[in-house]
Amino acid sequence: MTAAEEKIAPPRKRLFISLMGLTCLILVGLIFLIWWVPNRGLANIHPNLPHIVGIAVAVLSGVAILGTGLLVLTTALGKDIFFTRFMRLVVIKFLLPVIEFVGRMLGIDKDGIRQSFIAMNNSLVISQRQKISPDRILVLLPHCIQLFDCEIKVTGDINKCVLCGRCDIKGLVEISRKYHIDISVATGGTLARKVIVEKRPKLVLAVACERDLTSGIKDCYPLPVIGILNDRPFGPCFNTTVDVGKIDDALSQILLIDDPATADS
């Protein structure tokens, strides 16, 4: 069995957390160097200037360490903690590229880092414990979930599926009808963004590969996105599959329904 044929192992948040902690230490070190190198020159301008700059450096370092600690606590406790939403912005928009760079320097596979990032992002989104009505949730699927040779294309309307069971679309249609949730199939990032703009959901649950999920989470911020990795037994973008149970589990944690069993009644 080739690497492409293997089922993707469940991503672990601790890889991303470890790299984030290492990145934090590197940034703190760089901040200190920025202060230390010109320190003597600052004293020539004003004797108190090195102390003022030193305090500013200490504050920036403290914010970096505090923010990292808050994210770790939020992930560990599963509860939204003060400043977590802002720190999610910092991680998504600024730290992720640096963390990926640090990971490459350590010889860590980029997809492994992205898997860990997606898992941590999901934890942060779910930790906010929002309960959202089904009509404000959008499940977004890649077109490669459907069999390549299927004559009935569901890109425009997933309910066109005849439920033959040859691919995972059948199970996804059943979830759509169970929870009365809108599910759309996108053929690419441009169409996915168009669907999100048109539907205006409060939360997106997206199925895709590591690269597309990571870029989607970044592009959609501040809109919360829960990412579910697809499996690629035949390689990327061709007859991919997804664990429908993972989608059902994720929805059960965010849906504004007390008893999911009654959702299809």
Foldseek 3Di string as FASTA:
>chain_A
DDPQQDFDDQAAQVVLLVLLVVLLVVVLVVLVCVLPVCLVVLCVVPVCRSVVSVVVSVVVSVVSVVLSVQLVCCLVVLARDPCVLVSVLCCLPPVVVVSLVVCVVVVHDSLSNLSNVLVSLLSNVLNDQAAFAQLQEEEEEEQQQDAPPDPQRCQPHLVSDPLPPPGCSNVVVVVCLLQVHHYHYDHDDVVVVVVCVVSVHQEYEYEFGSVVVSVVCSVPPPRRYRYFYWRRSPHHSHNIHGDSVVVVVSCVSHHPDPDSNPNND
